[in-house]
Amino acid sequence: MREEGGFEVIKKAILNLSLRHKEHISAYGEGNERRLTGKHETASIDTFSWGVANRGCSIRVGRDTEKEGKGYLEDRRPASNMDPYVVTSLLAETTLLWEPTLEAEALAAQKLSLKV
């Protein structure tokens, strides 16, 4: 993600995260249904979203990351009471190891307006 061409890796990670949204939400701590309302710089718990410099999305990509074509993404869904080991493991599995079916990937890419 932080090397040349990293923005393509970020988009692939976002796509994978979108396909496992419900699984991630279930592991992201208690009370998220009260916190993730879609208001006050939070995403809706029911809908996956991403955006550049948008603090109201599930996944935020910084302006500099887009500009430089490399950098990082921020998952804004975990609650402060989450288990960091569970969340880190799930994020690593989803973004690095998990391969969705081509059909699921294509549908998600179209829905998210991602070209991967």
N, C-alpha and C. Protein backbone atom coordinates (compact mmCIF):
# COMPACT_ATOMS: atom_id res chain seq x y z
N MET A 1 0.81 -1.21 0.00
CA MET A 1 0.00 0.00 0.00
C MET A 1 0.85 1.26 0.00
N ARG A 2 2.00 1.18 0.60
CA ARG A 2 2.83 2.38 0.74
C ARG A 2 3.94 2.46 -0.30
N GLU A 3 3.93 1.52 -1.24
CA GLU A 3 4.91 1.54 -2.33
C GLU A 3 4.24 2.04 -3.60
N GLU A 4 5.04 2.32 -4.63
CA GLU A 4 4.50 2.77 -5.91
C GLU A 4 3.41 1.80 -6.37
N GLY A 5 2.31 2.36 -6.86
CA GLY A 5 1.19 1.53 -7.29
C GLY A 5 0.32 1.05 -6.15
N GLY A 6 0.58 1.53 -4.96
CA GLY A 6 -0.13 1.08 -3.77
C GLY A 6 -1.62 1.39 -3.76
N PHE A 7 -2.04 2.40 -4.52
CA PHE A 7 -3.46 2.75 -4.52
C PHE A 7 -4.30 1.60 -5.10
N GLU A 8 -3.74 0.83 -6.03
CA GLU A 8 -4.43 -0.34 -6.57
C GLU A 8 -4.60 -1.40 -5.49
N VAL A 9 -3.60 -1.56 -4.65
CA VAL A 9 -3.67 -2.50 -3.53
C VAL A 9 -4.73 -2.04 -2.53
N ILE A 10 -4.79 -0.76 -2.29
CA ILE A 10 -5.79 -0.18 -1.39
C ILE A 10 -7.19 -0.44 -1.93
N LYS A 11 -7.39 -0.23 -3.21
CA LYS A 11 -8.72 -0.47 -3.80
C LYS A 11 -9.12 -1.93 -3.70
N LYS A 12 -8.18 -2.84 -3.86
CA LYS A 12 -8.47 -4.27 -3.72
C LYS A 12 -8.84 -4.57 -2.26
N ALA A 13 -8.14 -3.97 -1.32
CA ALA A 13 -8.45 -4.17 0.10
C ALA A 13 -9.85 -3.64 0.42
N ILE A 14 -10.19 -2.49 -0.12
CA ILE A 14 -11.52 -1.91 0.09
C ILE A 14 -12.59 -2.84 -0.46
N LEU A 15 -12.35 -3.37 -1.63
CA LEU A 15 -13.29 -4.30 -2.25
C LEU A 15 -13.50 -5.52 -1.35
N ASN A 16 -12.41 -6.11 -0.86
CA ASN A 16 -12.52 -7.27 0.02
C ASN A 16 -13.25 -6.91 1.31
N LEU A 17 -12.95 -5.75 1.87
CA LEU A 17 -13.63 -5.31 3.09
C LEU A 17 -15.13 -5.13 2.86
N SER A 18 -15.50 -4.65 1.69
CA SER A 18 -16.92 -4.47 1.40
C SER A 18 -17.66 -5.79 1.36
N LEU A 19 -17.00 -6.82 0.88
CA LEU A 19 -17.63 -8.13 0.77
C LEU A 19 -17.79 -8.84 2.11
N ARG A 20 -17.04 -8.41 3.11
CA ARG A 20 -17.11 -9.03 4.43
C ARG A 20 -17.57 -8.03 5.50
N HIS A 21 -18.34 -7.04 5.07
CA HIS A 21 -18.78 -5.97 5.97
C HIS A 21 -19.48 -6.51 7.22
N LYS A 22 -20.46 -7.37 7.04
CA LYS A 22 -21.23 -7.88 8.19
C LYS A 22 -20.35 -8.67 9.14
N GLU A 23 -19.44 -9.46 8.60
CA GLU A 23 -18.54 -10.24 9.44
C GLU A 23 -17.65 -9.33 10.28
N HIS A 24 -17.17 -8.25 9.67
CA HIS A 24 -16.33 -7.30 10.40
C HIS A 24 -17.14 -6.57 11.47
N ILE A 25 -18.31 -6.11 11.12
CA ILE A 25 -19.15 -5.39 12.09
C ILE A 25 -19.41 -6.25 13.32
N SER A 26 -19.65 -7.54 13.10
CA SER A 26 -19.96 -8.42 14.24
C SER A 26 -18.78 -8.58 15.19
N ALA A 27 -17.56 -8.30 14.71
CA ALA A 27 -16.37 -8.44 15.55
C ALA A 27 -15.80 -7.10 16.02
N TYR A 28 -16.45 -6.00 15.67
CA TYR A 28 -15.89 -4.67 15.91
C TYR A 28 -16.32 -4.00 17.21
N GLY A 29 -16.78 -4.78 18.17
CA GLY A 29 -17.10 -4.22 19.48
C GLY A 29 -18.59 -4.10 19.71
N GLU A 30 -18.93 -3.87 20.95
CA GLU A 30 -20.34 -3.76 21.33
C GLU A 30 -20.83 -2.32 21.22
N GLY A 31 -22.08 -2.18 20.90
CA GLY A 31 -22.71 -0.85 20.85
C GLY A 31 -22.56 -0.13 19.52
N ASN A 32 -21.99 -0.78 18.53
CA ASN A 32 -21.83 -0.11 17.24
C ASN A 32 -23.17 0.26 16.60
N GLU A 33 -24.22 -0.48 16.92
CA GLU A 33 -25.53 -0.15 16.35
C GLU A 33 -26.00 1.22 16.85
N ARG A 34 -25.54 1.64 18.01
CA ARG A 34 -25.89 2.98 18.52
C ARG A 34 -24.94 4.05 18.01
N ARG A 35 -23.70 3.66 17.72
CA ARG A 35 -22.68 4.63 17.30
C ARG A 35 -22.67 4.85 15.78
N LEU A 36 -22.79 3.77 15.01
CA LEU A 36 -22.70 3.87 13.55
C LEU A 36 -24.07 4.16 12.95
N THR A 37 -24.47 5.40 13.05
CA THR A 37 -25.81 5.81 12.63
C THR A 37 -25.83 6.45 11.24
N GLY A 38 -24.67 6.79 10.72
CA GLY A 38 -24.63 7.54 9.46
C GLY A 38 -24.65 9.04 9.70
N LYS A 39 -24.67 9.44 10.95
CA LYS A 39 -24.66 10.85 11.33
C LYS A 39 -23.39 11.14 12.12
N HIS A 40 -23.07 12.38 12.28
CA HIS A 40 -21.95 12.82 13.13
C HIS A 40 -20.63 12.13 12.75
N GLU A 41 -20.29 12.18 11.47
CA GLU A 41 -19.04 11.62 10.94
C GLU A 41 -18.91 10.12 11.19
N THR A 42 -20.01 9.39 11.07
CA THR A 42 -19.97 7.94 11.12
C THR A 42 -20.70 7.38 9.91
N ALA A 43 -20.32 6.18 9.52
CA ALA A 43 -21.02 5.47 8.45
C ALA A 43 -22.21 4.75 9.06
N SER A 44 -23.15 4.36 8.22
CA SER A 44 -24.27 3.54 8.68
C SER A 44 -23.77 2.12 8.91
N ILE A 45 -24.23 1.51 9.98
CA ILE A 45 -23.83 0.14 10.28
C ILE A 45 -24.31 -0.83 9.21
N ASP A 46 -25.38 -0.48 8.50
CA ASP A 46 -25.99 -1.36 7.52
C ASP A 46 -25.37 -1.29 6.13
N THR A 47 -24.61 -0.25 5.86
CA THR A 47 -24.11 -0.02 4.50
C THR A 47 -22.61 0.21 4.52
N PHE A 48 -21.90 -0.47 3.64
CA PHE A 48 -20.47 -0.25 3.49
C PHE A 48 -20.25 0.92 2.54
N SER A 49 -19.31 1.79 2.89
CA SER A 49 -18.98 2.92 2.01
C SER A 49 -17.50 3.24 2.16
N TRP A 50 -16.98 3.93 1.18
CA TRP A 50 -15.59 4.38 1.25
C TRP A 50 -15.50 5.73 0.55
N GLY A 51 -14.48 6.48 0.88
CA GLY A 51 -14.30 7.77 0.24
C GLY A 51 -12.96 8.38 0.59
N VAL A 52 -12.58 9.33 -0.24
CA VAL A 52 -11.33 10.06 -0.03
C VAL A 52 -11.65 11.26 0.85
N ALA A 53 -10.95 11.39 1.96
CA ALA A 53 -11.09 12.50 2.90
C ALA A 53 -12.52 12.63 3.43
N ASN A 54 -13.23 11.50 3.50
CA ASN A 54 -14.61 11.51 3.98
C ASN A 54 -14.68 10.75 5.30
N ARG A 55 -14.87 11.48 6.37
CA ARG A 55 -14.91 10.87 7.70
C ARG A 55 -16.24 10.19 7.99
N GLY A 56 -17.19 10.31 7.09
CA GLY A 56 -18.49 9.67 7.26
C GLY A 56 -18.60 8.34 6.54
N CYS A 57 -17.50 7.78 6.10
CA CYS A 57 -17.49 6.50 5.39
C CYS A 57 -16.98 5.39 6.29
N SER A 58 -17.25 4.16 5.87
CA SER A 58 -16.71 3.00 6.58
C SER A 58 -15.19 2.99 6.49
N ILE A 59 -14.68 3.22 5.28
CA ILE A 59 -13.24 3.24 5.04
C ILE A 59 -12.88 4.60 4.47
N ARG A 60 -11.95 5.28 5.13
CA ARG A 60 -11.50 6.59 4.68
C ARG A 60 -10.09 6.46 4.10
N VAL A 61 -9.92 7.06 2.94
CA VAL A 61 -8.61 7.15 2.30
C VAL A 61 -8.21 8.62 2.36
N GLY A 62 -7.01 8.89 2.81
CA GLY A 62 -6.56 10.27 2.92
C GLY A 62 -6.33 10.93 1.57
N ARG A 63 -6.47 12.22 1.54
CA ARG A 63 -6.25 13.00 0.32
C ARG A 63 -4.84 12.79 -0.24
N ASP A 64 -3.85 12.77 0.65
CA ASP A 64 -2.46 12.56 0.22
C ASP A 64 -2.26 11.18 -0.38
N THR A 65 -2.96 10.19 0.16
CA THR A 65 -2.86 8.83 -0.37
C THR A 65 -3.35 8.80 -1.82
N GLU A 66 -4.47 9.43 -2.07
CA GLU A 66 -4.99 9.48 -3.44
C GLU A 66 -4.04 10.26 -4.35
N LYS A 67 -3.58 11.39 -3.86
CA LYS A 67 -2.70 12.25 -4.65
C LYS A 67 -1.38 11.55 -5.02
N GLU A 68 -0.78 10.86 -4.05
CA GLU A 68 0.51 10.22 -4.27
C GLU A 68 0.39 8.82 -4.88
N GLY A 69 -0.85 8.28 -4.89
CA GLY A 69 -1.05 6.95 -5.45
C GLY A 69 -0.55 5.84 -4.55
N LYS A 70 -0.32 6.14 -3.30
CA LYS A 70 0.13 5.16 -2.31
C LYS A 70 -0.10 5.74 -0.93
N GLY A 71 -0.13 4.87 0.06
CA GLY A 71 -0.34 5.34 1.43
C GLY A 71 -1.09 4.32 2.26
N TYR A 72 -2.20 4.75 2.86
CA TYR A 72 -2.92 3.88 3.79
C TYR A 72 -4.41 4.12 3.69
N LEU A 73 -5.16 3.24 4.32
CA LEU A 73 -6.60 3.41 4.47
C LEU A 73 -6.92 3.36 5.96
N GLU A 74 -8.06 3.87 6.33
CA GLU A 74 -8.49 3.89 7.73
C GLU A 74 -9.86 3.25 7.84
N ASP A 75 -9.96 2.19 8.60
CA ASP A 75 -11.25 1.56 8.87
C ASP A 75 -11.85 2.28 10.06
N ARG A 76 -12.96 2.98 9.85
CA ARG A 76 -13.55 3.82 10.88
C ARG A 76 -14.67 3.11 11.65
N ARG A 77 -14.85 1.82 11.42
CA ARG A 77 -15.96 1.10 12.03
C ARG A 77 -15.70 0.53 13.42
N PRO A 78 -14.50 0.10 13.78
CA PRO A 78 -14.32 -0.52 15.10
C PRO A 78 -14.63 0.44 16.26
N ALA A 79 -15.26 -0.12 17.28
CA ALA A 79 -15.55 0.64 18.49
C ALA A 79 -14.33 0.62 19.41
N SER A 80 -14.31 1.52 20.35
CA SER A 80 -13.17 1.58 21.28
C SER A 80 -13.10 0.35 22.18
N ASN A 81 -14.19 -0.37 22.33
CA ASN A 81 -14.20 -1.55 23.19
C ASN A 81 -13.93 -2.85 22.43
N MET A 82 -13.48 -2.75 21.19
CA MET A 82 -13.19 -3.95 20.40
C MET A 82 -11.94 -4.63 20.94
N ASP A 83 -11.79 -5.90 20.56
CA ASP A 83 -10.59 -6.64 20.92
C ASP A 83 -9.57 -6.39 19.80
N PRO A 84 -8.47 -5.69 20.07
CA PRO A 84 -7.54 -5.33 19.00
C PRO A 84 -6.92 -6.54 18.31
N TYR A 85 -6.79 -7.66 19.01
CA TYR A 85 -6.24 -8.86 18.39
C TYR A 85 -7.22 -9.46 17.38
N VAL A 86 -8.48 -9.49 17.74
CA VAL A 86 -9.52 -10.01 16.84
C VAL A 86 -9.63 -9.12 15.60
N VAL A 87 -9.69 -7.82 15.81
CA VAL A 87 -9.85 -6.89 14.69
C VAL A 87 -8.63 -6.89 13.77
N THR A 88 -7.44 -6.88 14.34
CA THR A 88 -6.23 -6.90 13.52
C THR A 88 -6.14 -8.19 12.72
N SER A 89 -6.47 -9.31 13.33
CA SER A 89 -6.46 -10.59 12.64
C SER A 89 -7.46 -10.60 11.49
N LEU A 90 -8.65 -10.10 11.73
CA LEU A 90 -9.69 -10.06 10.71
C LEU A 90 -9.31 -9.14 9.56
N LEU A 91 -8.75 -7.98 9.89
CA LEU A 91 -8.31 -7.06 8.84
C LEU A 91 -7.21 -7.67 7.99
N ALA A 92 -6.24 -8.32 8.62
CA ALA A 92 -5.15 -8.94 7.88
C ALA A 92 -5.67 -10.07 7.00
N GLU A 93 -6.53 -10.89 7.55
CA GLU A 93 -7.08 -12.00 6.77
C GLU A 93 -7.86 -11.48 5.56
N THR A 94 -8.70 -10.49 5.76
CA THR A 94 -9.55 -9.98 4.69
C THR A 94 -8.76 -9.24 3.62
N THR A 95 -7.80 -8.44 4.03
CA THR A 95 -7.09 -7.60 3.05
C THR A 95 -5.87 -8.27 2.43
N LEU A 96 -5.29 -9.25 3.11
CA LEU A 96 -4.06 -9.87 2.60
C LEU A 96 -4.24 -11.30 2.11
N LEU A 97 -5.08 -12.07 2.77
CA LEU A 97 -5.14 -13.50 2.49
C LEU A 97 -6.38 -13.96 1.73
N TRP A 98 -7.51 -13.35 2.01
CA TRP A 98 -8.79 -13.82 1.48
C TRP A 98 -8.96 -13.44 0.01
N GLU A 99 -9.40 -14.40 -0.78
CA GLU A 99 -9.68 -14.16 -2.19
C GLU A 99 -11.15 -14.42 -2.47
N PRO A 100 -11.92 -13.39 -2.79
CA PRO A 100 -13.34 -13.61 -3.10
C PRO A 100 -13.48 -14.27 -4.47
N THR A 101 -14.68 -14.78 -4.75
CA THR A 101 -14.94 -15.32 -6.08
C THR A 101 -14.89 -14.17 -7.08
N LEU A 102 -14.58 -14.48 -8.32
CA LEU A 102 -14.51 -13.44 -9.34
C LEU A 102 -15.86 -12.75 -9.54
N GLU A 103 -16.93 -13.52 -9.43
CA GLU A 103 -18.27 -12.95 -9.59
C GLU A 103 -18.57 -11.95 -8.48
N ALA A 104 -18.29 -12.32 -7.25
CA ALA A 104 -18.53 -11.43 -6.10
C ALA A 104 -17.66 -10.19 -6.22
N GLU A 105 -16.42 -10.39 -6.61
CA GLU A 105 -15.49 -9.27 -6.77
C GLU A 105 -15.98 -8.29 -7.84
N ALA A 106 -16.44 -8.82 -8.96
CA ALA A 106 -16.92 -7.96 -10.05
C ALA A 106 -18.15 -7.16 -9.63
N LEU A 107 -19.09 -7.81 -8.95
CA LEU A 107 -20.30 -7.12 -8.50
C LEU A 107 -19.96 -6.03 -7.48
N ALA A 108 -19.09 -6.36 -6.54
CA ALA A 108 -18.70 -5.38 -5.53
C ALA A 108 -17.95 -4.20 -6.16
N ALA A 109 -17.05 -4.49 -7.11
CA ALA A 109 -16.30 -3.43 -7.77
C ALA A 109 -17.24 -2.48 -8.50
N GLN A 110 -18.23 -3.03 -9.16
CA GLN A 110 -19.20 -2.19 -9.87
C GLN A 110 -20.00 -1.34 -8.88
N LYS A 111 -20.44 -1.94 -7.79
CA LYS A 111 -21.22 -1.23 -6.78
C LYS A 111 -20.42 -0.10 -6.14
N LEU A 112 -19.14 -0.35 -5.88
CA LEU A 112 -18.29 0.62 -5.20
C LEU A 112 -17.60 1.58 -6.17
N SER A 113 -17.83 1.41 -7.45
CA SER A 113 -17.18 2.22 -8.49
C SER A 113 -15.65 2.11 -8.41
N LEU A 114 -15.18 0.87 -8.25
CA LEU A 114 -13.75 0.60 -8.19
C LEU A 114 -13.35 -0.17 -9.44
N LYS A 115 -12.24 0.19 -9.99
CA LYS A 115 -11.68 -0.54 -11.11
C LYS A 115 -10.44 -1.25 -10.62
N VAL A 116 -10.57 -2.56 -10.37
CA VAL A 116 -9.43 -3.35 -9.89
C VAL A 116 -9.13 -4.47 -10.86
